[in-house]
Amino acid sequence: MSRLLRIALREYLAYVRTFGFWLSLMLLPVGLSTIVVAPLAVARSAPVPLVTVVDFTTQKLRGDVVHALATHGDGGKPAGILVEAPGAPFTDVADATARLKPYLTGPQALPGGDRLDAAFILSPAGDTVAVNFWSRNVADQRLQAVVTDAVREAVRRNRLERQGVDARLLGAIDSQQPQVSVFSPKAERGQVSLKDLLPGYAGFAMGMLLWMVVLTGAGMLLNSVMEEKSSRILEVLLTSASVPEIMGGKLIGVAAVTGTVLAFWMTIAGAILTAKSPALASDVAVILLSHGRWAYFGLYFVGGYLMFATLYMTIGAFCETAREAQVLLGPMMIIMTVPLLFMIQSIAHPEAPLLRLLTWIPLFTPFLMAARVANDPPLWEVLGTGAMMLGVTGLELWVAIPAFKTGALATGRFDIRTFAGSLVRRSAP
């Protein structure tokens, strides 16, 4: 036991003593925050597009479009700024299109020197209106939707007015919006509130956090074993400690490293949430600490870490270069994207049959079940998936001990026959 703990301490200090560890520890929350903030910052910093509207209809829809552009923006900014169409008046749609194109496709600028970003050409089309949308940015669906909705609403109102419906009556009807209240028998007070929606989001966050921490720790073990094998340190360790002691020490050491990272992230996140919204922080704490959810998280963290760390460490013992390890783990990483695709669905559909089925696949169990436990799945599913995960982990550890020793003493490139032989203990001394 003393040798195992010394190896664990050595493994832990080998990481936490490095400047890179603390730098990445500090920068990772910043990076994750940037992922959330960056899209909002880009959207807010984007200039408001300059838009022109050419109306060939008899309904005079231009005013409705102008009102929609001014009132349907984001972040206090209008959806678009209306400018006079250069070269107006136009004879027809073809004439307007031909004369506006140079302002949208080339360097030709508006009279004030600005660039025209989009143009809407409205024309009659039977009983409705045709909207030709020209834009420099083909991905700008927001602007198109704002104008299309405004035209649709204006056409509806004009038709009703032609049928004799008074405009004041139309305004009164449009102002009478239904009062919708959402209730659920699972809600604490009957009516659904933010607190009732938090379990789904908390479960998704737990699953994502577990995915990142487990694979980060497994990757650290892989690199550590490959480095020590290439420098012959593993051979020296095998002369003074048993394989279970070496593997156990490394597992505990890197688990302590990932635990340090996890504690740091959770402390920072908790401090920020408490400072911004103490009530919300209290609700999140209640969700995580009630119904034994913290124990579920611990179960799937331990099981998931042992399962992937053992696999990565065993593969690392058979590889001398990062290229060999990447070739072997490439298919594994492709498979590991599956939980990411389904974890987001755990928020709205925690009991979906496909999601429940995937939780019984051991490679997916720790992440998908961590995402589902906040919604209180049946106890038999928790116990069943946990037992299967731990059973596979135990089997993996049983075959990994002789395989690790065989790989650590092997020389040369990865050999599939040597690896397969170690799994059935034919190559184990």
Protein backbone atom coordinates (compact mmCIF):
# COMPACT_ATOMS: atom_id res chain seq x y z
CA MET A 1 0.00 0.00 0.00
CA SER A 2 2.84 2.41 0.79
CA ARG A 3 4.33 1.92 -2.70
CA LEU A 4 0.92 2.51 -4.29
CA LEU A 5 0.46 5.78 -2.38
CA ARG A 6 4.00 6.94 -3.21
CA ILE A 7 3.33 6.31 -6.89
CA ALA A 8 0.02 8.19 -6.60
CA LEU A 9 1.72 11.15 -4.90
CA ARG A 10 4.49 11.16 -7.51
CA GLU A 11 1.90 11.13 -10.31
CA TYR A 12 -0.07 13.96 -8.70
CA LEU A 13 2.95 16.18 -8.08
CA ALA A 14 4.25 15.56 -11.59
CA TYR A 15 1.23 17.50 -12.89
CA VAL A 16 0.45 20.10 -10.23
CA ARG A 17 4.07 21.29 -10.03
CA THR A 18 4.07 22.37 -13.66
CA PHE A 19 3.27 25.90 -14.75
CA GLY A 20 1.20 24.60 -17.65
CA PHE A 21 -1.21 22.84 -15.29
CA TRP A 22 -2.03 26.01 -13.37
CA LEU A 23 -2.17 28.07 -16.54
CA SER A 24 -4.66 25.69 -18.14
CA LEU A 25 -6.61 25.53 -14.86
CA MET A 26 -7.01 29.29 -14.88
CA LEU A 27 -7.66 29.70 -18.60
CA LEU A 28 -10.13 26.86 -19.10
CA PRO A 29 -13.05 28.60 -17.31
CA VAL A 30 -12.23 31.68 -19.34
CA GLY A 31 -12.33 29.61 -22.52
CA LEU A 32 -15.65 27.99 -21.61
CA SER A 33 -17.13 31.39 -20.77
CA THR A 34 -15.89 32.73 -24.08
CA ILE A 35 -17.76 29.98 -25.92
CA VAL A 36 -20.99 31.29 -24.37
CA VAL A 37 -20.23 35.01 -24.55
CA ALA A 38 -18.53 35.17 -27.96
CA PRO A 39 -21.66 34.58 -30.11
CA LEU A 40 -23.54 37.27 -28.16
CA ALA A 41 -20.62 39.69 -28.46
CA VAL A 42 -20.34 39.08 -32.21
CA ALA A 43 -24.08 39.62 -32.69
CA ARG A 44 -24.04 42.85 -30.70
CA SER A 45 -20.95 44.21 -32.46
CA ALA A 46 -22.30 43.48 -35.95
CA PRO A 47 -23.40 46.66 -37.75
CA VAL A 48 -27.10 47.16 -38.43
CA PRO A 49 -27.72 46.36 -42.12
CA LEU A 50 -28.80 49.13 -44.48
CA VAL A 51 -31.99 48.05 -46.22
CA THR A 52 -34.08 49.46 -49.04
CA VAL A 53 -37.67 48.55 -49.86
CA VAL A 54 -39.22 48.86 -53.33
CA ASP A 55 -43.01 48.48 -53.27
CA PHE A 56 -44.90 47.77 -56.52
CA THR A 57 -48.10 46.71 -54.75
CA THR A 58 -51.28 48.74 -54.44
CA GLN A 59 -51.43 48.02 -50.70
CA LYS A 60 -48.55 50.30 -49.80
CA LEU A 61 -46.74 47.82 -47.60
CA ARG A 62 -43.54 49.84 -47.29
CA GLY A 63 -44.68 51.51 -44.06
CA ASP A 64 -45.39 48.15 -42.41
CA VAL A 65 -41.93 46.90 -43.35
CA VAL A 66 -40.31 50.06 -41.98
CA HIS A 67 -42.16 49.63 -38.68
CA ALA A 68 -41.12 45.95 -38.43
CA LEU A 69 -37.45 46.77 -39.09
CA ALA A 70 -37.49 49.40 -36.35
CA THR A 71 -39.23 47.28 -33.69
CA HIS A 72 -37.96 43.71 -34.21
CA GLY A 73 -34.25 44.08 -33.57
CA ASP A 74 -32.04 42.48 -30.90
CA GLY A 75 -30.15 44.11 -28.05
CA GLY A 76 -31.90 47.45 -28.45
CA LYS A 77 -30.84 47.77 -32.09
CA PRO A 78 -33.24 47.81 -35.05
CA ALA A 79 -33.31 44.83 -37.41
CA GLY A 80 -32.37 47.15 -40.26
CA ILE A 81 -32.01 50.81 -41.17
CA LEU A 82 -34.12 51.91 -44.12
CA VAL A 83 -32.45 53.91 -46.90
CA GLU A 84 -33.88 55.30 -50.11
CA ALA A 85 -33.45 53.02 -53.10
CA PRO A 86 -30.69 54.42 -55.33
CA GLY A 87 -31.88 55.06 -58.88
CA ALA A 88 -35.61 55.15 -57.99
CA PRO A 89 -38.22 55.32 -59.38
CA PHE A 90 -38.27 51.96 -61.18
CA THR A 91 -40.61 50.77 -63.90
CA ASP A 92 -41.01 47.14 -62.80
CA VAL A 93 -39.39 44.34 -60.79
CA ALA A 94 -36.84 43.52 -63.51
CA ASP A 95 -35.80 47.17 -63.75
CA ALA A 96 -35.43 47.49 -59.97
CA THR A 97 -33.42 44.26 -59.80
CA ALA A 98 -31.03 45.26 -62.57
CA ARG A 99 -30.38 48.72 -61.13
CA LEU A 100 -29.98 47.62 -57.50
CA LYS A 101 -27.65 44.67 -58.19
CA PRO A 102 -24.49 46.80 -58.59
CA TYR A 103 -25.04 48.18 -55.09
CA LEU A 104 -25.33 44.66 -53.63
CA THR A 105 -22.72 42.75 -55.60
CA GLY A 106 -20.06 45.31 -56.45
CA PRO A 107 -18.17 48.19 -54.92
CA GLN A 108 -20.75 50.79 -55.91
CA ALA A 109 -21.78 52.76 -52.82
CA LEU A 110 -24.86 54.70 -51.81
CA PRO A 111 -24.89 58.49 -52.27
CA GLY A 112 -23.65 58.97 -48.71
CA GLY A 113 -20.77 56.53 -49.21
CA ASP A 114 -22.30 53.65 -47.25
CA ARG A 115 -22.79 50.11 -48.55
CA LEU A 116 -26.25 48.72 -49.28
CA ASP A 117 -26.71 45.40 -47.46
CA ALA A 118 -30.15 44.19 -48.54
CA ALA A 119 -33.11 45.04 -50.73
CA PHE A 120 -36.73 43.90 -50.64
CA ILE A 121 -38.77 44.16 -53.83
CA LEU A 122 -42.52 43.74 -53.24
CA SER A 123 -44.83 43.01 -56.15
CA PRO A 124 -48.39 41.66 -56.67
CA ALA A 125 -48.73 37.89 -57.12
CA GLY A 126 -52.42 37.09 -57.59
CA ASP A 127 -54.19 37.42 -54.25
CA THR A 128 -50.93 37.67 -52.32
CA VAL A 129 -47.60 39.49 -52.51
CA ALA A 130 -44.25 38.29 -53.88
CA VAL A 131 -41.20 39.26 -51.84
CA ASN A 132 -37.84 39.19 -53.65
CA PHE A 133 -35.10 39.39 -51.05
CA TRP A 134 -31.62 40.41 -52.20
CA SER A 135 -28.81 40.37 -49.66
CA ARG A 136 -25.05 40.39 -49.43
CA ASN A 137 -25.27 37.95 -46.54
CA VAL A 138 -27.11 34.84 -47.72
CA ALA A 139 -27.10 33.42 -44.18
CA ASP A 140 -29.05 36.36 -42.73
CA GLN A 141 -32.37 34.61 -42.17
CA ARG A 142 -33.38 36.98 -39.36
CA LEU A 143 -33.86 40.00 -41.63
CA GLN A 144 -35.79 37.96 -44.16
CA ALA A 145 -38.12 36.59 -41.46
CA VAL A 146 -38.86 40.06 -40.02
CA VAL A 147 -39.90 41.52 -43.37
CA THR A 148 -41.81 38.40 -44.49
CA ASP A 149 -43.85 38.35 -41.25
CA ALA A 150 -44.62 42.07 -41.60
CA VAL A 151 -45.80 41.64 -45.18
CA ARG A 152 -47.92 38.62 -44.27
CA GLU A 153 -49.61 40.50 -41.41
CA ALA A 154 -50.22 43.59 -43.57
CA VAL A 155 -51.79 41.52 -46.35
CA ARG A 156 -54.08 39.82 -43.84
CA ARG A 157 -55.24 43.11 -42.37
CA ASN A 158 -55.84 44.64 -45.81
CA ARG A 159 -57.98 41.68 -46.88
CA LEU A 160 -60.09 41.89 -43.74
CA GLU A 161 -60.57 45.63 -44.17
CA ARG A 162 -61.72 45.08 -47.77
CA GLN A 163 -64.30 42.65 -46.38
CA GLY A 164 -65.70 45.41 -44.21
CA VAL A 165 -63.97 44.67 -40.91
CA ASP A 166 -63.30 47.92 -39.05
CA ALA A 167 -59.61 48.74 -38.46
CA ARG A 168 -60.24 49.53 -34.78
CA LEU A 169 -61.89 46.15 -34.33
CA LEU A 170 -58.87 44.47 -35.93
CA GLY A 171 -56.58 46.29 -33.53
CA ALA A 172 -58.68 45.22 -30.56
CA ILE A 173 -58.71 41.60 -31.73
CA ASP A 174 -54.93 41.57 -32.27
CA SER A 175 -54.33 43.00 -28.79
CA GLN A 176 -56.26 40.17 -27.14
CA GLN A 177 -53.49 37.66 -26.63
CA PRO A 178 -54.20 34.46 -24.68
CA GLN A 179 -52.86 34.27 -21.14
CA VAL A 180 -50.92 31.01 -21.04
CA SER A 181 -49.92 29.40 -17.74
CA VAL A 182 -47.95 26.16 -17.65
CA PHE A 183 -48.74 23.59 -14.94
CA SER A 184 -47.33 20.18 -14.11
CA PRO A 185 -48.04 17.66 -11.35
CA LYS A 186 -44.28 17.51 -10.82
CA ALA A 187 -44.03 21.25 -10.18
CA GLU A 188 -43.57 22.21 -6.54
CA ARG A 189 -46.41 24.76 -6.58
CA GLY A 190 -48.39 23.37 -9.47
CA GLN A 191 -47.42 26.12 -11.90
CA VAL A 192 -44.11 25.53 -13.64
CA SER A 193 -41.33 27.95 -12.71
CA LEU A 194 -37.63 28.22 -13.45
CA LYS A 195 -36.89 26.09 -10.41
CA ASP A 196 -38.88 23.24 -11.95
CA LEU A 197 -36.86 23.47 -15.19
CA LEU A 198 -33.51 23.48 -13.42
CA PRO A 199 -33.18 19.69 -12.94
CA GLY A 200 -32.96 19.09 -16.69
CA TYR A 201 -30.32 21.77 -17.18
CA ALA A 202 -28.42 20.63 -14.10
CA GLY A 203 -28.38 17.06 -15.39
CA PHE A 204 -27.08 18.16 -18.78
CA ALA A 205 -24.36 20.23 -17.09
CA MET A 206 -23.38 17.25 -14.90
CA GLY A 207 -23.15 14.97 -17.94
CA MET A 208 -21.02 17.44 -19.89
CA LEU A 209 -18.75 18.08 -16.92
CA LEU A 210 -18.30 14.37 -16.36
CA TRP A 211 -17.50 13.83 -20.05
CA MET A 212 -14.80 16.49 -20.00
CA VAL A 213 -13.23 15.47 -16.69
CA VAL A 214 -13.20 11.71 -17.36
CA LEU A 215 -11.68 11.96 -20.82
CA THR A 216 -9.20 14.59 -19.67
CA GLY A 217 -7.96 12.32 -16.87
CA ALA A 218 -7.80 9.31 -19.19
CA GLY A 219 -5.79 11.31 -21.70
CA MET A 220 -3.36 12.38 -19.00
CA LEU A 221 -2.81 8.75 -18.01
CA LEU A 222 -2.24 7.76 -21.64
CA ASN A 223 0.45 10.39 -22.11
CA SER A 224 2.08 9.58 -18.75
CA VAL A 225 2.37 5.86 -19.50
CA MET A 226 3.71 6.44 -23.03
CA GLU A 227 6.32 8.88 -21.74
CA GLU A 228 7.49 6.54 -18.99
CA LYS A 229 7.60 3.58 -21.37
CA SER A 230 9.72 5.45 -23.94
CA SER A 231 12.14 6.56 -21.20
CA ARG A 232 12.25 3.03 -19.66
CA ILE A 233 10.92 4.31 -16.33
CA LEU A 234 8.15 1.71 -16.40
CA GLU A 235 10.72 -1.09 -16.50
CA VAL A 236 12.38 0.36 -13.42
CA LEU A 237 9.05 0.66 -11.62
CA LEU A 238 8.21 -2.98 -12.42
CA THR A 239 11.36 -4.10 -10.61
CA SER A 240 10.28 -2.42 -7.37
CA ALA A 241 6.47 -2.51 -7.44
CA SER A 242 3.75 -4.84 -8.67
CA VAL A 243 1.52 -4.07 -11.64
CA PRO A 244 -1.58 -3.47 -9.45
CA GLU A 245 0.42 -1.02 -7.34
CA ILE A 246 1.68 0.87 -10.39
CA MET A 247 -1.71 1.00 -12.07
CA GLY A 248 -3.52 1.81 -8.83
CA GLY A 249 -1.06 4.56 -7.95
CA LYS A 250 -1.40 6.16 -11.35
CA LEU A 251 -5.18 5.92 -11.25
CA ILE A 252 -5.36 7.55 -7.82
CA GLY A 253 -2.79 10.22 -8.68
CA VAL A 254 -4.50 11.38 -11.84
CA ALA A 255 -7.92 11.09 -10.14
CA ALA A 256 -6.61 13.55 -7.54
CA VAL A 257 -5.49 15.86 -10.35
CA THR A 258 -8.88 15.76 -12.05
CA GLY A 259 -10.54 16.17 -8.66
CA THR A 260 -8.48 19.32 -8.11
CA VAL A 261 -9.57 20.64 -11.50
CA LEU A 262 -13.20 19.73 -10.82
CA ALA A 263 -13.18 21.39 -7.39
CA PHE A 264 -11.65 24.52 -8.87
CA TRP A 265 -14.21 24.77 -11.67
CA MET A 266 -17.14 24.15 -9.33
CA THR A 267 -15.86 26.69 -6.80
CA ILE A 268 -15.50 29.38 -9.46
CA ALA A 269 -18.90 28.57 -10.98
CA GLY A 270 -20.56 28.51 -7.54
CA ALA A 271 -19.00 31.83 -6.53
CA ILE A 272 -20.10 33.54 -9.75
CA LEU A 273 -23.62 32.11 -9.55
CA THR A 274 -23.96 33.07 -5.88
CA ALA A 275 -22.79 36.61 -6.58
CA LYS A 276 -25.13 37.03 -9.55
CA SER A 277 -28.22 35.26 -8.19
CA PRO A 278 -28.15 33.85 -4.64
CA ALA A 279 -31.68 32.43 -4.99
CA LEU A 280 -30.77 30.57 -8.17
CA ALA A 281 -27.58 29.25 -6.56
CA SER A 282 -29.64 27.97 -3.63
CA ASP A 283 -32.08 26.21 -5.99
CA VAL A 284 -29.21 24.55 -7.88
CA ALA A 285 -27.65 23.36 -4.61
CA VAL A 286 -30.97 21.88 -3.48
CA ILE A 287 -31.35 20.04 -6.79
CA LEU A 288 -27.86 18.56 -6.66
CA LEU A 289 -27.98 17.59 -2.98
CA SER A 290 -31.53 16.23 -2.78
CA HIS A 291 -32.71 12.72 -3.68
CA GLY A 292 -29.15 11.40 -3.41
CA ARG A 293 -28.16 12.97 -6.74
CA TRP A 294 -24.68 13.78 -5.46
CA ALA A 295 -24.19 10.05 -4.80
CA TYR A 296 -25.32 9.20 -8.34
CA PHE A 297 -22.84 11.70 -9.71
CA GLY A 298 -20.07 10.18 -7.57
CA LEU A 299 -21.00 6.67 -8.72
CA TYR A 300 -20.85 7.51 -12.42
CA PHE A 301 -17.73 9.63 -11.98
CA VAL A 302 -15.83 6.80 -10.29
CA GLY A 303 -17.13 4.14 -12.66
CA GLY A 304 -16.59 6.22 -15.79
CA TYR A 305 -13.13 7.32 -14.76
CA LEU A 306 -11.98 3.79 -13.91
CA MET A 307 -13.41 2.38 -17.15
CA PHE A 308 -11.78 4.90 -19.48
CA ALA A 309 -8.60 5.44 -17.48
CA THR A 310 -7.85 1.70 -17.40
CA LEU A 311 -8.45 1.41 -21.13
CA TYR A 312 -6.28 4.39 -22.00
CA MET A 313 -3.51 3.34 -19.62
CA THR A 314 -3.40 -0.17 -21.07
CA ILE A 315 -3.27 1.15 -24.62
CA GLY A 316 -0.53 3.56 -23.59
CA ALA A 317 1.58 0.65 -22.36
CA PHE A 318 1.59 -0.80 -25.89
CA CYS A 319 2.37 2.49 -27.66
CA GLU A 320 5.66 4.32 -27.89
CA THR A 321 4.48 7.34 -29.90
CA ALA A 322 1.45 9.60 -29.83
CA ARG A 323 0.75 8.66 -33.45
CA GLU A 324 0.24 5.00 -32.54
CA ALA A 325 -2.10 5.96 -29.69
CA GLN A 326 -4.11 8.29 -31.93
CA VAL A 327 -4.61 5.53 -34.49
CA LEU A 328 -5.89 3.16 -31.81
CA LEU A 329 -8.09 5.72 -30.03
CA GLY A 330 -9.45 7.43 -33.16
CA PRO A 331 -12.46 5.10 -33.48
CA MET A 332 -13.03 5.40 -29.72
CA MET A 333 -13.27 9.18 -29.90
CA ILE A 334 -15.75 8.95 -32.76
CA ILE A 335 -17.90 6.66 -30.62
CA MET A 336 -17.58 9.05 -27.68
CA THR A 337 -19.28 11.83 -29.64
CA VAL A 338 -22.53 9.87 -29.39
CA PRO A 339 -23.23 10.86 -25.74
CA LEU A 340 -22.66 14.50 -26.64
CA LEU A 341 -25.35 14.29 -29.32
CA PHE A 342 -27.88 12.74 -26.96
CA MET A 343 -27.16 14.56 -23.71
CA ILE A 344 -28.87 17.72 -24.92
CA GLN A 345 -32.00 15.62 -25.52
CA SER A 346 -32.00 14.59 -21.87
CA ILE A 347 -33.33 18.06 -20.97
CA ALA A 348 -36.62 17.78 -22.85
CA HIS A 349 -36.89 14.00 -23.26
CA PRO A 350 -35.25 12.28 -20.26
CA GLU A 351 -37.50 9.24 -20.64
CA ALA A 352 -37.20 8.82 -24.42
CA PRO A 353 -36.89 5.08 -25.25
CA LEU A 354 -33.75 5.54 -27.36
CA LEU A 355 -32.05 7.58 -24.64
CA ARG A 356 -32.92 4.99 -22.01
CA LEU A 357 -31.60 2.23 -24.26
CA LEU A 358 -28.29 4.00 -24.80
CA THR A 359 -27.75 4.32 -21.06
CA TRP A 360 -27.33 0.53 -20.92
CA ILE A 361 -24.26 0.69 -23.21
CA PRO A 362 -21.36 0.82 -20.70
CA LEU A 363 -19.30 3.34 -22.73
CA PHE A 364 -22.25 5.77 -22.65
CA THR A 365 -23.63 4.94 -19.19
CA PRO A 366 -21.69 7.40 -17.00
CA PHE A 367 -22.47 10.44 -19.14
CA LEU A 368 -26.07 9.78 -20.16
CA MET A 369 -27.11 8.58 -16.71
CA ALA A 370 -25.43 11.58 -15.07
CA ALA A 371 -27.52 13.73 -17.41
CA ARG A 372 -30.71 11.83 -16.51
CA VAL A 373 -30.37 11.50 -12.73
CA ALA A 374 -31.53 15.08 -12.12
CA ASN A 375 -34.93 14.00 -13.51
CA ASP A 376 -35.10 11.07 -11.04
CA PRO A 377 -35.07 7.97 -13.28
CA PRO A 378 -36.38 4.73 -11.74
CA LEU A 379 -34.11 3.30 -9.06
CA TRP A 380 -33.85 -0.03 -10.89
CA GLU A 381 -32.33 1.73 -13.89
CA VAL A 382 -29.79 3.50 -11.72
CA LEU A 383 -28.81 0.28 -9.95
CA GLY A 384 -28.88 -1.78 -13.16
CA THR A 385 -26.80 0.57 -15.29
CA GLY A 386 -24.43 1.19 -12.38
CA ALA A 387 -23.93 -2.54 -11.81
CA MET A 388 -23.31 -3.15 -15.52
CA MET A 389 -20.83 -0.28 -15.70
CA LEU A 390 -18.93 -1.47 -12.64
CA GLY A 391 -19.02 -5.06 -13.91
CA VAL A 392 -17.47 -4.06 -17.23
CA THR A 393 -14.92 -1.96 -15.36
CA GLY A 394 -14.00 -4.93 -13.15
CA LEU A 395 -13.59 -7.19 -16.18
CA GLU A 396 -11.48 -4.53 -17.83
CA LEU A 397 -9.22 -4.27 -14.78
CA TRP A 398 -8.90 -8.07 -14.66
CA VAL A 399 -7.57 -8.30 -18.23
CA ALA A 400 -5.63 -5.01 -18.02
CA ILE A 401 -3.16 -6.12 -15.34
CA PRO A 402 -1.37 -8.77 -17.42
CA ALA A 403 -1.82 -6.69 -20.58
CA PHE A 404 -0.20 -3.67 -18.95
CA LYS A 405 2.87 -5.64 -17.93
CA THR A 406 3.19 -7.23 -21.37
CA GLY A 407 2.92 -3.86 -23.07
CA ALA A 408 5.34 -2.15 -20.69
CA LEU A 409 8.05 -4.76 -21.40
CA ALA A 410 7.36 -4.98 -25.15
CA THR A 411 9.58 -3.11 -27.60
CA GLY A 412 8.96 -1.83 -31.07
CA ARG A 413 5.70 -0.80 -32.70
CA PHE A 414 2.26 -1.85 -31.53
CA ASP A 415 1.55 -5.48 -32.43
CA ILE A 416 -2.04 -6.68 -32.45
CA ARG A 417 -1.05 -10.31 -31.79
CA THR A 418 0.92 -9.37 -28.69
CA PHE A 419 -1.96 -7.24 -27.45
CA ALA A 420 -4.57 -9.94 -28.12
CA GLY A 421 -2.38 -12.57 -26.51
CA SER A 422 -2.05 -10.49 -23.35
CA LEU A 423 -5.82 -10.19 -23.06
CA VAL A 424 -6.20 -13.96 -22.83
CA ARG A 425 -3.15 -14.13 -20.54
CA ARG A 426 -1.14 -16.21 -23.00
CA SER A 427 1.61 -13.60 -23.07
CA ALA A 428 1.48 -12.80 -19.37
CA PRO A 429 4.47 -14.21 -17.43
